[in-house]
Amino acid sequence: MDDFLTLENQLCFAVYDAGSQFNKLYTKALDRFGLTYPQYLVLLALWEQDSLSAKELGKRLNLGTGTLTPMIKRMEANEWLKRERSTADERKVCISLLPKALEQKEAIVGKIATELKLCNIEYEEYEQLLKQLRVLRGKLKDYNQL
């Protein structure tokens, strides 16, 4: 039981530390584009489905408006995306990609892919880890909804 209580045997610490290492990798890869990791996640969501409401985007990224709104404003100032109020409902703000985001997509995705390859993570290993993390996330979500 004492071994369980060591830092190195804590799953939460392993996930936290791996996340920190991913942040460093993405920071290095995205620096040349002037993007942060959370901003990259916004682009990923909008590349999948452009023109999302701020509420939909926040839900997809699991981010509150207090975090999302300033980030969206910075990305708009840097010409990655635009915000437009709905004419039907002024409370609704629609977030859409600007040409820069579409033009830079291939270069950004290519840079990320290059950095991930340098980590020596094989595709099969990547898929296995992703599957395991999705299962873990689901179990934690179920628990947290009790």
C-alpha atoms as a PDB file:
ATOM      1  CA  MET A   1       0.000   0.000   0.000  1.00  0.00           C
ATOM      2  CA  ASP A   2       2.887   2.397   0.687  1.00  0.00           C
ATOM      3  CA  ASP A   3       4.062   2.075  -2.934  1.00  0.00           C
ATOM      4  CA  PHE A   4       0.667   3.319  -4.071  1.00  0.00           C
ATOM      5  CA  LEU A   5       1.229   6.562  -2.197  1.00  0.00           C
ATOM      6  CA  THR A   6       4.343   7.521  -4.132  1.00  0.00           C
ATOM      7  CA  LEU A   7       4.091  10.303  -6.692  1.00  0.00           C
ATOM      8  CA  GLU A   8       5.339   8.086  -9.511  1.00  0.00           C
ATOM      9  CA  ASN A   9       2.526   5.567  -8.888  1.00  0.00           C
ATOM     10  CA  GLN A  10      -0.245   8.147  -9.182  1.00  0.00           C
ATOM     11  CA  LEU A  11      -2.240   7.952 -12.408  1.00  0.00           C
ATOM     12  CA  CYS A  12      -3.370  11.545 -11.912  1.00  0.00           C
ATOM     13  CA  PHE A  13       0.258  12.707 -11.827  1.00  0.00           C
ATOM     14  CA  ALA A  14       1.178  10.656 -14.898  1.00  0.00           C
ATOM     15  CA  VAL A  15      -1.726  12.226 -16.852  1.00  0.00           C
ATOM     16  CA  TYR A  16      -0.846  15.696 -15.539  1.00  0.00           C
ATOM     17  CA  ASP A  17       2.839  15.322 -16.408  1.00  0.00           C
ATOM     18  CA  ALA A  18       2.091  13.883 -19.862  1.00  0.00           C
ATOM     19  CA  GLY A  19      -0.257  16.816 -20.465  1.00  0.00           C
ATOM     20  CA  SER A  20       2.494  19.209 -19.466  1.00  0.00           C
ATOM     21  CA  GLN A  21       4.889  17.542 -21.904  1.00  0.00           C
ATOM     22  CA  PHE A  22       2.278  17.786 -24.675  1.00  0.00           C
ATOM     23  CA  ASN A  23       1.846  21.482 -23.926  1.00  0.00           C
ATOM     24  CA  LYS A  24       5.593  21.992 -24.354  1.00  0.00           C
ATOM     25  CA  LEU A  25       5.575  20.080 -27.651  1.00  0.00           C
ATOM     26  CA  TYR A  26       2.637  22.085 -29.010  1.00  0.00           C
ATOM     27  CA  THR A  27       4.058  25.379 -27.744  1.00  0.00           C
ATOM     28  CA  LYS A  28       7.268  24.675 -29.662  1.00  0.00           C
ATOM     29  CA  ALA A  29       5.387  23.654 -32.811  1.00  0.00           C
ATOM     30  CA  LEU A  30       2.879  26.526 -32.763  1.00  0.00           C
ATOM     31  CA  ASP A  31       5.235  29.351 -31.801  1.00  0.00           C
ATOM     32  CA  ARG A  32       6.140  30.157 -35.412  1.00  0.00           C
ATOM     33  CA  PHE A  33       2.437  30.678 -36.168  1.00  0.00           C
ATOM     34  CA  GLY A  34       1.871  32.913 -33.148  1.00  0.00           C
ATOM     35  CA  LEU A  35      -0.634  30.453 -31.687  1.00  0.00           C
ATOM     36  CA  THR A  36      -1.067  28.969 -28.250  1.00  0.00           C
ATOM     37  CA  TYR A  37      -2.178  25.384 -27.666  1.00  0.00           C
ATOM     38  CA  PRO A  38      -5.734  26.414 -26.643  1.00  0.00           C
ATOM     39  CA  GLN A  39      -5.957  28.599 -29.761  1.00  0.00           C
ATOM     40  CA  TYR A  40      -4.918  25.601 -31.842  1.00  0.00           C
ATOM     41  CA  LEU A  41      -7.773  23.638 -30.267  1.00  0.00           C
ATOM     42  CA  VAL A  42     -10.174  26.409 -31.331  1.00  0.00           C
ATOM     43  CA  LEU A  43      -8.866  26.129 -34.889  1.00  0.00           C
ATOM     44  CA  LEU A  44      -9.210  22.336 -34.823  1.00  0.00           C
ATOM     45  CA  ALA A  45     -12.846  22.616 -33.747  1.00  0.00           C
ATOM     46  CA  LEU A  46     -13.586  25.202 -36.444  1.00  0.00           C
ATOM     47  CA  TRP A  47     -11.730  23.251 -39.142  1.00  0.00           C
ATOM     48  CA  GLU A  48     -14.069  20.360 -38.321  1.00  0.00           C
ATOM     49  CA  GLN A  49     -17.154  22.578 -38.405  1.00  0.00           C
ATOM     50  CA  ASP A  50     -16.893  26.254 -39.266  1.00  0.00           C
ATOM     51  CA  SER A  51     -19.293  28.892 -37.965  1.00  0.00           C
ATOM     52  CA  LEU A  52     -20.053  27.631 -34.485  1.00  0.00           C
ATOM     53  CA  SER A  53     -21.776  29.700 -31.847  1.00  0.00           C
ATOM     54  CA  ALA A  54     -19.556  30.712 -28.946  1.00  0.00           C
ATOM     55  CA  LYS A  55     -21.674  28.446 -26.742  1.00  0.00           C
ATOM     56  CA  GLU A  56     -21.209  25.449 -29.090  1.00  0.00           C
ATOM     57  CA  LEU A  57     -17.476  26.101 -29.340  1.00  0.00           C
ATOM     58  CA  GLY A  58     -17.135  26.341 -25.569  1.00  0.00           C
ATOM     59  CA  LYS A  59     -19.016  23.076 -25.170  1.00  0.00           C
ATOM     60  CA  ARG A  60     -16.820  21.307 -27.743  1.00  0.00           C
ATOM     61  CA  LEU A  61     -13.642  22.481 -26.000  1.00  0.00           C
ATOM     62  CA  ASN A  62     -14.987  22.203 -22.464  1.00  0.00           C
ATOM     63  CA  LEU A  63     -14.142  25.881 -21.863  1.00  0.00           C
ATOM     64  CA  GLY A  64     -16.205  28.517 -20.106  1.00  0.00           C
ATOM     65  CA  THR A  65     -16.921  31.926 -21.582  1.00  0.00           C
ATOM     66  CA  GLY A  66     -14.483  33.562 -19.157  1.00  0.00           C
ATOM     67  CA  THR A  67     -11.633  31.631 -20.786  1.00  0.00           C
ATOM     68  CA  LEU A  68     -12.977  31.442 -24.332  1.00  0.00           C
ATOM     69  CA  THR A  69     -14.026  35.073 -24.910  1.00  0.00           C
ATOM     70  CA  PRO A  70     -10.599  36.721 -24.373  1.00  0.00           C
ATOM     71  CA  MET A  71      -8.938  34.000 -26.453  1.00  0.00           C
ATOM     72  CA  ILE A  72     -11.420  34.523 -29.307  1.00  0.00           C
ATOM     73  CA  LYS A  73     -10.830  38.291 -29.155  1.00  0.00           C
ATOM     74  CA  ARG A  74      -7.040  37.773 -29.441  1.00  0.00           C
ATOM     75  CA  MET A  75      -7.496  35.376 -32.348  1.00  0.00           C
ATOM     76  CA  GLU A  76      -9.799  37.870 -34.043  1.00  0.00           C
ATOM     77  CA  ALA A  77      -7.215  40.651 -33.570  1.00  0.00           C
ATOM     78  CA  ASN A  78      -4.627  38.346 -35.182  1.00  0.00           C
ATOM     79  CA  GLU A  79      -6.982  37.651 -38.103  1.00  0.00           C
ATOM     80  CA  TRP A  80      -7.530  33.935 -37.463  1.00  0.00           C
ATOM     81  CA  LEU A  81     -11.276  34.217 -37.061  1.00  0.00           C
ATOM     82  CA  LYS A  82     -14.201  36.604 -36.787  1.00  0.00           C
ATOM     83  CA  ARG A  83     -17.120  37.034 -34.423  1.00  0.00           C
ATOM     84  CA  GLU A  84     -20.543  38.038 -35.656  1.00  0.00           C
ATOM     85  CA  ARG A  85     -23.747  38.577 -33.715  1.00  0.00           C
ATOM     86  CA  SER A  86     -26.751  36.679 -34.994  1.00  0.00           C
ATOM     87  CA  THR A  87     -29.364  38.877 -36.636  1.00  0.00           C
ATOM     88  CA  ALA A  88     -32.081  36.526 -35.358  1.00  0.00           C
ATOM     89  CA  ASP A  89     -30.812  36.506 -31.757  1.00  0.00           C
ATOM     90  CA  GLU A  90     -28.352  39.204 -30.676  1.00  0.00           C
ATOM     91  CA  ARG A  91     -27.322  37.124 -27.649  1.00  0.00           C
ATOM     92  CA  LYS A  92     -25.811  34.533 -29.990  1.00  0.00           C
ATOM     93  CA  VAL A  93     -22.274  35.128 -31.295  1.00  0.00           C
ATOM     94  CA  CYS A  94     -21.077  33.076 -34.270  1.00  0.00           C
ATOM     95  CA  ILE A  95     -17.354  32.283 -34.622  1.00  0.00           C
ATOM     96  CA  SER A  96     -16.039  31.712 -38.158  1.00  0.00           C
ATOM     97  CA  LEU A  97     -12.641  31.132 -39.713  1.00  0.00           C
ATOM     98  CA  LEU A  98     -10.914  33.851 -41.714  1.00  0.00           C
ATOM     99  CA  PRO A  99      -8.796  33.094 -44.813  1.00  0.00           C
ATOM    100  CA  LYS A 100      -5.556  33.079 -42.779  1.00  0.00           C
ATOM    101  CA  ALA A 101      -6.801  30.082 -40.757  1.00  0.00           C
ATOM    102  CA  LEU A 102      -7.667  28.168 -43.908  1.00  0.00           C
ATOM    103  CA  GLU A 103      -4.449  29.111 -45.704  1.00  0.00           C
ATOM    104  CA  GLN A 104      -2.239  28.134 -42.736  1.00  0.00           C
ATOM    105  CA  LYS A 105      -4.064  24.880 -41.927  1.00  0.00           C
ATOM    106  CA  GLU A 106      -1.766  22.587 -43.929  1.00  0.00           C
ATOM    107  CA  ALA A 107       1.408  24.198 -42.543  1.00  0.00           C
ATOM    108  CA  ILE A 108       0.149  24.050 -38.945  1.00  0.00           C
ATOM    109  CA  VAL A 109      -1.026  20.442 -39.184  1.00  0.00           C
ATOM    110  CA  GLY A 110       2.218  19.475 -40.937  1.00  0.00           C
ATOM    111  CA  LYS A 111       4.339  21.059 -38.209  1.00  0.00           C
ATOM    112  CA  ILE A 112       2.365  19.266 -35.484  1.00  0.00           C
ATOM    113  CA  ALA A 113       2.709  15.939 -37.336  1.00  0.00           C
ATOM    114  CA  THR A 114       6.463  16.459 -37.686  1.00  0.00           C
ATOM    115  CA  GLU A 115       6.877  17.157 -33.974  1.00  0.00           C
ATOM    116  CA  LEU A 116       4.788  14.114 -33.017  1.00  0.00           C
ATOM    117  CA  LYS A 117       6.911  11.886 -35.275  1.00  0.00           C
ATOM    118  CA  LEU A 118      10.024  13.150 -33.514  1.00  0.00           C
ATOM    119  CA  CYS A 119       8.571  11.755 -30.256  1.00  0.00           C
ATOM    120  CA  ASN A 120       8.835   8.222 -31.683  1.00  0.00           C
ATOM    121  CA  ILE A 121       5.182   7.436 -31.025  1.00  0.00           C
ATOM    122  CA  GLU A 122       4.108   4.827 -33.561  1.00  0.00           C
ATOM    123  CA  TYR A 123       0.659   5.177 -35.138  1.00  0.00           C
ATOM    124  CA  GLU A 124      -0.639   1.985 -33.510  1.00  0.00           C
ATOM    125  CA  GLU A 125       0.624   3.165 -30.120  1.00  0.00           C
ATOM    126  CA  TYR A 126      -1.003   6.560 -30.693  1.00  0.00           C
ATOM    127  CA  GLU A 127      -4.340   4.915 -31.492  1.00  0.00           C
ATOM    128  CA  GLN A 128      -4.098   2.613 -28.452  1.00  0.00           C
ATOM    129  CA  LEU A 129      -3.288   5.489 -26.090  1.00  0.00           C
ATOM    130  CA  LEU A 130      -6.103   7.593 -27.504  1.00  0.00           C
ATOM    131  CA  LYS A 131      -8.571   4.738 -27.050  1.00  0.00           C
ATOM    132  CA  GLN A 132      -7.461   4.174 -23.445  1.00  0.00           C
ATOM    133  CA  LEU A 133      -7.678   7.880 -22.619  1.00  0.00           C
ATOM    134  CA  ARG A 134     -11.197   8.086 -24.077  1.00  0.00           C
ATOM    135  CA  VAL A 135     -12.276   5.192 -21.857  1.00  0.00           C
ATOM    136  CA  LEU A 136     -10.644   6.830 -18.829  1.00  0.00           C
ATOM    137  CA  ARG A 137     -12.263  10.199 -19.635  1.00  0.00           C
ATOM    138  CA  GLY A 138     -15.666   8.526 -19.935  1.00  0.00           C
ATOM    139  CA  LYS A 139     -15.293   6.804 -16.571  1.00  0.00           C
ATOM    140  CA  LEU A 140     -14.219  10.046 -14.900  1.00  0.00           C
ATOM    141  CA  LYS A 141     -17.109  11.961 -16.489  1.00  0.00           C
ATOM    142  CA  ASP A 142     -19.558   9.326 -15.295  1.00  0.00           C
ATOM    143  CA  TYR A 143     -18.134   9.545 -11.780  1.00  0.00           C
ATOM    144  CA  ASN A 144     -18.176  13.356 -11.760  1.00  0.00           C
ATOM    145  CA  GLN A 145     -21.830  13.421 -12.785  1.00  0.00           C
ATOM    146  CA  LEU A 146     -22.913  11.433  -9.714  1.00  0.00           C
END
